[in-house]
Every structure is written in structure tokens, then in C-alpha cells.
PDB file of N, CA and C in Angstrom:
ATOM      1  N   UNK A   1      52.113  98.841 102.377  1.00  0.00           N
ATOM      2  CA  UNK A   1      50.840  98.308 102.031  1.00  0.00           C
ATOM      3  C   UNK A   1      50.979  96.946 101.401  1.00  0.00           C
ATOM      4  N   UNK A   2      49.909  96.176 101.628  1.00  0.00           N
ATOM      5  CA  UNK A   2      50.009  94.780 101.044  1.00  0.00           C
ATOM      6  C   UNK A   2      48.521  94.190 100.904  1.00  0.00           C
ATOM      7  N   UNK A   3      48.512  92.856 100.225  1.00  0.00           N
ATOM      8  CA  UNK A   3      47.093  92.427 100.000  1.00  0.00           C
ATOM      9  C   UNK A   3      47.243  90.823  99.902  1.00  0.00           C
ATOM     10  N   UNK A   4      46.224  90.310 100.025  1.00  0.00           N
ATOM     11  CA  UNK A   4      46.120  88.857  99.794  1.00  0.00           C
ATOM     12  C   UNK A   4      44.769  88.514  99.029  1.00  0.00           C
ATOM     13  N   UNK A   5      44.686  87.228  98.594  1.00  0.00           N
ATOM     14  CA  UNK A   5      43.495  86.822  97.946  1.00  0.00           C
ATOM     15  C   UNK A   5      43.055  85.501  98.690  1.00  0.00           C
ATOM     16  N   UNK A   6      41.735  85.415  98.724  1.00  0.00           N
ATOM     17  CA  UNK A   6      41.059  84.243  99.400  1.00  0.00           C
ATOM     18  C   UNK A   6      40.050  83.655  98.210  1.00  0.00           C
ATOM     19  N   UNK A   7      40.065  82.379  98.101  1.00  0.00           N
ATOM     20  CA  UNK A   7      39.270  81.678  97.054  1.00  0.00           C
ATOM     21  C   UNK A   7      37.806  81.678  97.325  1.00  0.00           C
ATOM     22  N   UNK A   8      37.452  81.369  98.670  1.00  0.00           N
ATOM     23  CA  UNK A   8      36.126  81.066  99.165  1.00  0.00           C
ATOM     24  C   UNK A   8      35.697  81.917 100.267  1.00  0.00           C
ATOM     25  N   UNK A   9      34.806  82.846 100.150  1.00  0.00           N
ATOM     26  CA  UNK A   9      34.156  83.419  99.076  1.00  0.00           C
ATOM     27  C   UNK A   9      35.199  84.144  98.343  1.00  0.00           C
ATOM     28  N   UNK A  10      35.021  84.405  97.133  1.00  0.00           N
ATOM     29  CA  UNK A  10      36.039  85.159  96.255  1.00  0.00           C
ATOM     30  C   UNK A  10      36.059  86.754  96.696  1.00  0.00           C
ATOM     31  N   UNK A  11      37.326  86.866  97.325  1.00  0.00           N
ATOM     32  CA  UNK A  11      37.441  88.395  97.764  1.00  0.00           C
ATOM     33  C   UNK A  11      38.966  88.658  97.960  1.00  0.00           C
ATOM     34  N   UNK A  12      39.345  89.993  97.898  1.00  0.00           N
ATOM     35  CA  UNK A  12      40.723  90.244  98.140  1.00  0.00           C
ATOM     36  C   UNK A  12      40.693  91.041  99.322  1.00  0.00           C
ATOM     37  N   UNK A  13      41.829  90.984 100.121  1.00  0.00           N
ATOM     38  CA  UNK A  13      42.053  91.896 101.443  1.00  0.00           C
ATOM     39  C   UNK A  13      43.280  92.708 100.994  1.00  0.00           C
ATOM     40  N   UNK A  14      43.240  93.848 101.652  1.00  0.00           N
ATOM     41  CA  UNK A  14      44.282  94.907 101.603  1.00  0.00           C
ATOM     42  C   UNK A  14      44.572  95.382 103.032  1.00  0.00           C
ATOM     43  N   UNK A  15      45.656  95.954 103.162  1.00  0.00           N
ATOM     44  CA  UNK A  15      46.031  96.617 104.374  1.00  0.00           C
ATOM     45  C   UNK A  15      47.291  97.582 104.285  1.00  0.00           C
ATOM     46  N   UNK A  16      47.496  98.343 105.323  1.00  0.00           N
ATOM     47  CA  UNK A  16      48.616  99.129 105.290  1.00  0.00           C
ATOM     48  C   UNK A  16      48.963  99.714 106.629  1.00  0.00           C
ATOM     49  N   UNK A  17      50.007 100.430 106.866  1.00  0.00           N
ATOM     50  CA  UNK A  17      50.330 101.097 108.059  1.00  0.00           C
ATOM     51  C   UNK A  17      50.863 102.614 107.780  1.00  0.00           C
ATOM     52  N   UNK A  18      50.350 103.536 108.418  1.00  0.00           N
ATOM     53  CA  UNK A  18      50.691 104.885 108.342  1.00  0.00           C
ATOM     54  C   UNK A  18      51.671 105.272 109.480  1.00  0.00           C
ATOM     55  N   UNK A  19      52.783 105.728 109.316  1.00  0.00           N
ATOM     56  CA  UNK A  19      53.837 106.003 110.286  1.00  0.00           C
ATOM     57  C   UNK A  19      54.157 107.516 110.360  1.00  0.00           C
ATOM     58  N   UNK A  20      54.458 107.986 111.429  1.00  0.00           N
ATOM     59  CA  UNK A  20      55.130 109.360 111.227  1.00  0.00           C
ATOM     60  C   UNK A  20      56.596 109.306 111.106  1.00  0.00           C
ATOM     61  N   UNK A  21      57.281 108.405 111.533  1.00  0.00           N
ATOM     62  CA  UNK A  21      58.492 108.108 111.166  1.00  0.00           C
ATOM     63  C   UNK A  21      58.896 106.560 111.336  1.00  0.00           C
ATOM     64  N   UNK A  22      59.991 106.118 111.269  1.00  0.00           N
ATOM     65  CA  UNK A  22      60.286 104.781 111.361  1.00  0.00           C
ATOM     66  C   UNK A  22      59.901 104.057 112.594  1.00  0.00           C
ATOM     67  N   UNK A  23      59.704 104.847 113.732  1.00  0.00           N
ATOM     68  CA  UNK A  23      59.371 104.208 115.041  1.00  0.00           C
ATOM     69  C   UNK A  23      57.919 104.534 115.539  1.00  0.00           C
ATOM     70  N   UNK A  24      57.426 105.519 115.121  1.00  0.00           N
ATOM     71  CA  UNK A  24      56.014 106.083 115.727  1.00  0.00           C
ATOM     72  C   UNK A  24      54.849 105.711 114.782  1.00  0.00           C
ATOM     73  N   UNK A  25      54.029 104.553 115.140  1.00  0.00           N
ATOM     74  CA  UNK A  25      52.931 104.138 114.439  1.00  0.00           C
ATOM     75  C   UNK A  25      51.725 105.049 114.643  1.00  0.00           C
ATOM     76  N   UNK A  26      51.176 105.398 113.381  1.00  0.00           N
ATOM     77  CA  UNK A  26      50.062 106.570 113.587  1.00  0.00           C
ATOM     78  C   UNK A  26      48.797 105.593 113.385  1.00  0.00           C
ATOM     79  N   UNK A  27      48.511 104.917 112.282  1.00  0.00           N
ATOM     80  CA  UNK A  27      47.256 104.258 111.963  1.00  0.00           C
ATOM     81  C   UNK A  27      47.495 102.851 111.204  1.00  0.00           C
ATOM     82  N   UNK A  28      46.827 101.855 111.534  1.00  0.00           N
ATOM     83  CA  UNK A  28      46.928 100.507 110.824  1.00  0.00           C
ATOM     84  C   UNK A  28      45.457 100.495 110.132  1.00  0.00           C
ATOM     85  N   UNK A  29      45.529 100.012 108.956  1.00  0.00           N
ATOM     86  CA  UNK A  29      44.209  99.838 108.183  1.00  0.00           C
ATOM     87  C   UNK A  29      44.107  98.633 107.467  1.00  0.00           C
ATOM     88  N   UNK A  30      42.895  98.227 107.253  1.00  0.00           N
ATOM     89  CA  UNK A  30      42.665  96.824 106.490  1.00  0.00           C
ATOM     90  C   UNK A  30      41.239  97.063 105.883  1.00  0.00           C
ATOM     91  N   UNK A  31      41.051  96.138 104.950  1.00  0.00           N
ATOM     92  CA  UNK A  31      39.713  96.144 104.247  1.00  0.00           C
ATOM     93  C   UNK A  31      39.530  94.980 103.347  1.00  0.00           C
ATOM     94  N   UNK A  32      38.470  94.821 102.671  1.00  0.00           N
ATOM     95  CA  UNK A  32      38.430  93.680 101.748  1.00  0.00           C
ATOM     96  C   UNK A  32      37.511  94.250 100.517  1.00  0.00           C
ATOM     97  N   UNK A  33      37.726  93.639  99.292  1.00  0.00           N
ATOM     98  CA  UNK A  33      37.037  93.956  98.138  1.00  0.00           C
ATOM     99  C   UNK A  33      36.421  92.615  97.801  1.00  0.00           C
ATOM    100  N   UNK A  34      34.890  92.569  97.930  1.00  0.00           N
ATOM    101  CA  UNK A  34      34.226  91.238  97.740  1.00  0.00           C
ATOM    102  C   UNK A  34      34.077  91.148  96.189  1.00  0.00           C
ATOM    103  N   UNK A  35      33.991  89.821  95.726  1.00  0.00           N
ATOM    104  CA  UNK A  35      33.722  89.603  94.400  1.00  0.00           C
ATOM    105  C   UNK A  35      34.901  89.702  93.290  1.00  0.00           C
ATOM    106  N   UNK A  36      36.146  89.717  93.930  1.00  0.00           N
ATOM    107  CA  UNK A  36      37.280  89.955  93.092  1.00  0.00           C
ATOM    108  C   UNK A  36      38.342  88.953  93.690  1.00  0.00           C
ATOM    109  N   UNK A  37      39.284  88.674  92.863  1.00  0.00           N
ATOM    110  CA  UNK A  37      40.629  87.953  93.259  1.00  0.00           C
ATOM    111  C   UNK A  37      41.784  88.457  92.598  1.00  0.00           C
ATOM    112  N   UNK A  38      41.598  89.792  92.056  1.00  0.00           N
ATOM    113  CA  UNK A  38      42.618  90.469  91.255  1.00  0.00           C
ATOM    114  C   UNK A  38      43.603  91.217  92.297  1.00  0.00           C
ATOM    115  N   UNK A  39      44.695  90.628  92.367  1.00  0.00           N
ATOM    116  CA  UNK A  39      45.842  91.284  93.260  1.00  0.00           C
ATOM    117  C   UNK A  39      46.209  92.688  92.918  1.00  0.00           C
ATOM    118  N   UNK A  40      46.242  92.990  91.559  1.00  0.00           N
ATOM    119  CA  UNK A  40      46.604  94.257  90.985  1.00  0.00           C
ATOM    120  C   UNK A  40      45.596  95.335  91.723  1.00  0.00           C
ATOM    121  N   UNK A  41      44.316  94.950  91.630  1.00  0.00           N
ATOM    122  CA  UNK A  41      43.457  95.834  92.288  1.00  0.00           C
ATOM    123  C   UNK A  41      43.593  95.961  93.644  1.00  0.00           C
ATOM    124  N   UNK A  42      43.835  95.003  94.505  1.00  0.00           N
ATOM    125  CA  UNK A  42      44.074  95.146  95.809  1.00  0.00           C
ATOM    126  C   UNK A  42      45.326  95.931  95.996  1.00  0.00           C
ATOM    127  N   UNK A  43      46.416  95.846  95.299  1.00  0.00           N
ATOM    128  CA  UNK A  43      47.548  96.678  95.624  1.00  0.00           C
ATOM    129  C   UNK A  43      47.247  98.037  95.327  1.00  0.00           C
ATOM    130  N   UNK A  44      46.607  98.388  94.199  1.00  0.00           N
ATOM    131  CA  UNK A  44      46.317  99.767  93.892  1.00  0.00           C
ATOM    132  C   UNK A  44      45.285 100.410  94.901  1.00  0.00           C
ATOM    133  N   UNK A  45      44.245  99.583  95.312  1.00  0.00           N
ATOM    134  CA  UNK A  45      43.403 100.123  96.268  1.00  0.00           C
ATOM    135  C   UNK A  45      43.887 100.363  97.577  1.00  0.00           C
ATOM    136  N   UNK A  46      44.974  99.652  97.986  1.00  0.00           N
ATOM    137  CA  UNK A  46      45.760  99.784  99.280  1.00  0.00           C
ATOM    138  C   UNK A  46      46.443 101.201  99.289  1.00  0.00           C
ATOM    139  N   UNK A  47      47.117 101.434  98.137  1.00  0.00           N
ATOM    140  CA  UNK A  47      47.821 102.672  97.918  1.00  0.00           C
ATOM    141  C   UNK A  47      46.789 103.747  97.867  1.00  0.00           C
ATOM    142  N   UNK A  48      45.542 103.749  97.360  1.00  0.00           N
ATOM    143  CA  UNK A  48      44.667 104.716  97.216  1.00  0.00           C
ATOM    144  C   UNK A  48      44.021 104.888  98.686  1.00  0.00           C
ATOM    145  N   UNK A  49      43.818 103.858  99.377  1.00  0.00           N
ATOM    146  CA  UNK A  49      43.065 104.097 100.679  1.00  0.00           C
ATOM    147  C   UNK A  49      44.151 104.607 101.665  1.00  0.00           C
ATOM    148  N   UNK A  50      45.362 104.277 101.498  1.00  0.00           N
ATOM    149  CA  UNK A  50      46.448 104.959 102.483  1.00  0.00           C
ATOM    150  C   UNK A  50      46.617 106.484 102.142  1.00  0.00           C
ATOM    151  N   UNK A  51      46.744 106.778 100.828  1.00  0.00           N
ATOM    152  CA  UNK A  51      46.867 108.250 100.561  1.00  0.00           C
ATOM    153  C   UNK A  51      45.755 108.891 101.032  1.00  0.00           C
ATOM    154  N   UNK A  52      44.644 108.463 100.808  1.00  0.00           N
ATOM    155  CA  UNK A  52      43.257 108.985 101.291  1.00  0.00           C
ATOM    156  C   UNK A  52      43.291 109.428 102.602  1.00  0.00           C
ATOM    157  N   UNK A  53      43.579 108.360 103.394  1.00  0.00           N
ATOM    158  CA  UNK A  53      43.597 108.263 104.904  1.00  0.00           C
ATOM    159  C   UNK A  53      44.672 109.262 105.306  1.00  0.00           C
ATOM    160  N   UNK A  54      45.780 109.413 104.846  1.00  0.00           N
ATOM    161  CA  UNK A  54      46.774 110.350 105.101  1.00  0.00           C
ATOM    162  C   UNK A  54      46.405 111.764 104.896  1.00  0.00           C
ATOM    163  N   UNK A  55      45.721 112.073 103.779  1.00  0.00           N
ATOM    164  CA  UNK A  55      45.164 113.353 103.389  1.00  0.00           C
ATOM    165  C   UNK A  55      44.031 113.742 104.432  1.00  0.00           C
ATOM    166  N   UNK A  56      43.234 112.786 104.620  1.00  0.00           N
ATOM    167  CA  UNK A  56      42.122 113.011 105.719  1.00  0.00           C
ATOM    168  C   UNK A  56      42.651 113.387 107.149  1.00  0.00           C
ATOM    169  N   UNK A  57      43.747 112.897 107.425  1.00  0.00           N
ATOM    170  CA  UNK A  57      44.424 113.138 108.827  1.00  0.00           C
ATOM    171  C   UNK A  57      45.243 114.475 108.662  1.00  0.00           C
ATOM    172  N   UNK A  58      45.256 115.164 107.461  1.00  0.00           N
ATOM    173  CA  UNK A  58      45.877 116.606 107.513  1.00  0.00           C
ATOM    174  C   UNK A  58      47.226 116.560 106.994  1.00  0.00           C
ATOM    175  N   UNK A  59      47.732 115.347 106.508  1.00  0.00           N
ATOM    176  CA  UNK A  59      49.081 115.332 106.089  1.00  0.00           C
ATOM    177  C   UNK A  59      49.179 115.680 104.482  1.00  0.00           C
ATOM    178  N   UNK A  60      49.937 116.821 104.276  1.00  0.00           N
ATOM    179  CA  UNK A  60      50.008 117.270 102.829  1.00  0.00           C
ATOM    180  C   UNK A  60      51.100 116.614 102.040  1.00  0.00           C
ATOM    181  N   UNK A  61      52.267 116.257 102.925  1.00  0.00           N
ATOM    182  CA  UNK A  61      53.420 115.636 102.367  1.00  0.00           C
ATOM    183  C   UNK A  61      53.694 114.246 103.045  1.00  0.00           C
ATOM    184  N   UNK A  62      53.927 113.256 102.177  1.00  0.00           N
ATOM    185  CA  UNK A  62      54.190 112.071 102.718  1.00  0.00           C
ATOM    186  C   UNK A  62      54.716 111.059 101.870  1.00  0.00           C
ATOM    187  N   UNK A  63      55.361 110.027 102.236  1.00  0.00           N
ATOM    188  CA  UNK A  63      56.059 109.044 101.271  1.00  0.00           C
ATOM    189  C   UNK A  63      55.129 107.826 101.404  1.00  0.00           C
ATOM    190  N   UNK A  64      54.943 107.169 100.158  1.00  0.00           N
ATOM    191  CA  UNK A  64      54.291 105.839 100.028  1.00  0.00           C
ATOM    192  C   UNK A  64      55.191 104.806  99.550  1.00  0.00           C
ATOM    193  N   UNK A  65      55.196 103.808 100.298  1.00  0.00           N
ATOM    194  CA  UNK A  65      56.083 102.553  99.923  1.00  0.00           C
ATOM    195  C   UNK A  65      55.054 101.389  99.578  1.00  0.00           C
ATOM    196  N   UNK A  66      55.411 100.601  98.482  1.00  0.00           N
ATOM    197  CA  UNK A  66      54.688  99.419  97.947  1.00  0.00           C
ATOM    198  C   UNK A  66      55.659  98.378  97.694  1.00  0.00           C
ATOM    199  N   UNK A  67      55.399  97.121  97.745  1.00  0.00           N
ATOM    200  CA  UNK A  67      56.142  96.046  97.219  1.00  0.00           C
ATOM    201  C   UNK A  67      55.814  95.719  95.819  1.00  0.00           C
ATOM    202  N   UNK A  68      54.788  96.464  95.281  1.00  0.00           N
ATOM    203  CA  UNK A  68      54.384  96.079  94.004  1.00  0.00           C
ATOM    204  C   UNK A  68      55.062  96.986  92.768  1.00  0.00           C
ATOM    205  N   UNK A  69      55.862  96.541  92.210  1.00  0.00           N
ATOM    206  CA  UNK A  69      56.721  97.333  91.027  1.00  0.00           C
ATOM    207  C   UNK A  69      55.693  97.632  89.962  1.00  0.00           C
ATOM    208  N   UNK A  70      54.834  96.693  89.724  1.00  0.00           N
ATOM    209  CA  UNK A  70      53.883  96.985  88.614  1.00  0.00           C
ATOM    210  C   UNK A  70      52.922  98.272  89.053  1.00  0.00           C
ATOM    211  N   UNK A  71      52.600  98.354  90.353  1.00  0.00           N
ATOM    212  CA  UNK A  71      51.748  99.433  90.836  1.00  0.00           C
ATOM    213  C   UNK A  71      52.675 100.852  90.614  1.00  0.00           C
ATOM    214  N   UNK A  72      53.733 100.632  91.117  1.00  0.00           N
ATOM    215  CA  UNK A  72      54.706 101.869  91.017  1.00  0.00           C
ATOM    216  C   UNK A  72      54.870 102.264  89.662  1.00  0.00           C
ATOM    217  N   UNK A  73      55.140 101.414  88.725  1.00  0.00           N
ATOM    218  CA  UNK A  73      55.255 101.762  87.183  1.00  0.00           C
ATOM    219  C   UNK A  73      54.001 102.357  86.655  1.00  0.00           C
ATOM    220  N   UNK A  74      52.819 101.727  86.956  1.00  0.00           N
ATOM    221  CA  UNK A  74      51.585 102.285  86.614  1.00  0.00           C
ATOM    222  C   UNK A  74      51.272 103.987  87.157  1.00  0.00           C
ATOM    223  N   UNK A  75      51.770 104.104  88.332  1.00  0.00           N
ATOM    224  CA  UNK A  75      51.431 105.400  88.911  1.00  0.00           C
ATOM    225  C   UNK A  75      52.572 106.301  88.308  1.00  0.00           C
ATOM    226  N   UNK A  76      53.816 105.950  88.446  1.00  0.00           N
ATOM    227  CA  UNK A  76      54.806 106.992  87.793  1.00  0.00           C
ATOM    228  C   UNK A  76      54.770 107.220  86.353  1.00  0.00           C
ATOM    229  N   UNK A  77      54.326 106.032  85.517  1.00  0.00           N
ATOM    230  CA  UNK A  77      54.338 106.238  84.219  1.00  0.00           C
ATOM    231  C   UNK A  77      53.396 107.021  83.439  1.00  0.00           C
ATOM    232  N   UNK A  78      53.159 107.078  82.343  1.00  0.00           N
ATOM    233  CA  UNK A  78      52.108 107.759  81.532  1.00  0.00           C
ATOM    234  C   UNK A  78      50.879 107.054  81.794  1.00  0.00           C
ATOM    235  N   UNK A  79      49.640 107.727  81.680  1.00  0.00           N
ATOM    236  CA  UNK A  79      48.504 107.187  81.752  1.00  0.00           C
ATOM    237  C   UNK A  79      48.287 106.278  80.655  1.00  0.00           C
ATOM    238  N   UNK A  80      47.836 105.007  80.827  1.00  0.00           N
ATOM    239  CA  UNK A  80      47.365 104.071  79.756  1.00  0.00           C
ATOM    240  C   UNK A  80      45.896 104.285  79.723  1.00  0.00           C
ATOM    241  N   UNK A  81      45.421 104.958  78.755  1.00  0.00           N
ATOM    242  CA  UNK A  81      43.950 105.160  78.719  1.00  0.00           C
ATOM    243  C   UNK A  81      43.026 104.019  78.655  1.00  0.00           C
ATOM    244  N   UNK A  82      43.389 102.881  78.286  1.00  0.00           N
ATOM    245  CA  UNK A  82      42.489 101.780  78.175  1.00  0.00           C
ATOM    246  C   UNK A  82      42.817 100.769  79.308  1.00  0.00           C
ATOM    247  N   UNK A  83      43.679 101.035  80.282  1.00  0.00           N
ATOM    248  CA  UNK A  83      43.856 100.209  81.379  1.00  0.00           C
ATOM    249  C   UNK A  83      42.548  99.898  82.161  1.00  0.00           C
ATOM    250  N   UNK A  84      42.257  98.696  82.758  1.00  0.00           N
ATOM    251  CA  UNK A  84      41.228  98.387  83.246  1.00  0.00           C
ATOM    252  C   UNK A  84      40.989  99.247  84.630  1.00  0.00           C
ATOM    253  N   UNK A  85      42.041  99.703  85.203  1.00  0.00           N
ATOM    254  CA  UNK A  85      41.980 100.468  86.524  1.00  0.00           C
ATOM    255  C   UNK A  85      42.505 101.946  86.279  1.00  0.00           C
ATOM    256  N   UNK A  86      42.249 102.523  85.045  1.00  0.00           N
ATOM    257  CA  UNK A  86      42.688 103.784  84.674  1.00  0.00           C
ATOM    258  C   UNK A  86      42.303 104.829  85.645  1.00  0.00           C
ATOM    259  N   UNK A  87      40.926 104.820  86.076  1.00  0.00           N
ATOM    260  CA  UNK A  87      40.315 105.793  86.883  1.00  0.00           C
ATOM    261  C   UNK A  87      41.025 105.717  88.405  1.00  0.00           C
ATOM    262  N   UNK A  88      41.201 104.397  88.902  1.00  0.00           N
ATOM    263  CA  UNK A  88      41.778 104.482  90.168  1.00  0.00           C
ATOM    264  C   UNK A  88      43.292 104.833  90.067  1.00  0.00           C
ATOM    265  N   UNK A  89      44.053 104.556  89.076  1.00  0.00           N
ATOM    266  CA  UNK A  89      45.424 105.089  88.945  1.00  0.00           C
ATOM    267  C   UNK A  89      45.438 106.779  88.750  1.00  0.00           C
ATOM    268  N   UNK A  90      44.561 107.244  88.038  1.00  0.00           N
ATOM    269  CA  UNK A  90      44.319 108.781  87.952  1.00  0.00           C
ATOM    270  C   UNK A  90      44.014 109.244  89.271  1.00  0.00           C
ATOM    271  N   UNK A  91      43.263 108.620  90.203  1.00  0.00           N
ATOM    272  CA  UNK A  91      42.776 109.184  91.426  1.00  0.00           C
ATOM    273  C   UNK A  91      43.948 109.163  92.417  1.00  0.00           C
ATOM    274  N   UNK A  92      44.794 107.942  92.178  1.00  0.00           N
ATOM    275  CA  UNK A  92      46.104 107.951  93.132  1.00  0.00           C
ATOM    276  C   UNK A  92      47.233 109.145  92.753  1.00  0.00           C
ATOM    277  N   UNK A  93      47.185 109.380  91.317  1.00  0.00           N
ATOM    278  CA  UNK A  93      48.101 110.453  90.768  1.00  0.00           C
ATOM    279  C   UNK A  93      47.690 111.651  91.364  1.00  0.00           C
TER     280      UNK A  93
END
């Protein structure tokens, strides 16, 4: 999963790939969040969107890979009650 930011108009894009294994492509997804240029939001939302899509496709067990160590630490660590994205982080967990 990955993201990018565009200045005009202000919005962030996210995307990801769902694979059954390293060679079989299942789904490619992308989207954007208008009115923001927060890369952390895009990274977290890409993870959330990918997990939601995998669950909707009926996969109960899966691995999620991200290049954002900050996101991984937020998801695997204790809940930071006053973090700006605490609800999204809880939904991912």
C-alpha cells in the first residue's frame, strides 16, 4: 500500500494491491481523500481500505505490508488515546 500528495487541489491519493501469493494478483485499488495533504492519514487509510476489502472478499487470514514504519508502530503499539487518528487506528486493529 502506498500514497502520494498533490498540492492543487489539496488532496492525497492512496492505493494498494491484494495478492493471493507473490505471483497471483487479486485486486488493485486506489482512491483519494480531498481536503488534506497528510501523508500519515493516507498511509493509515490505505491499510484500512485494504484490510476492509480483503475481509469483504471473504479472507479471514491475510498479511498486510506497508512501507510506513510510523503506521506499523501505531497499529502494533498501545493505543494513543489523544492521537488525531485514534479512531482509524482502532478500526485497523
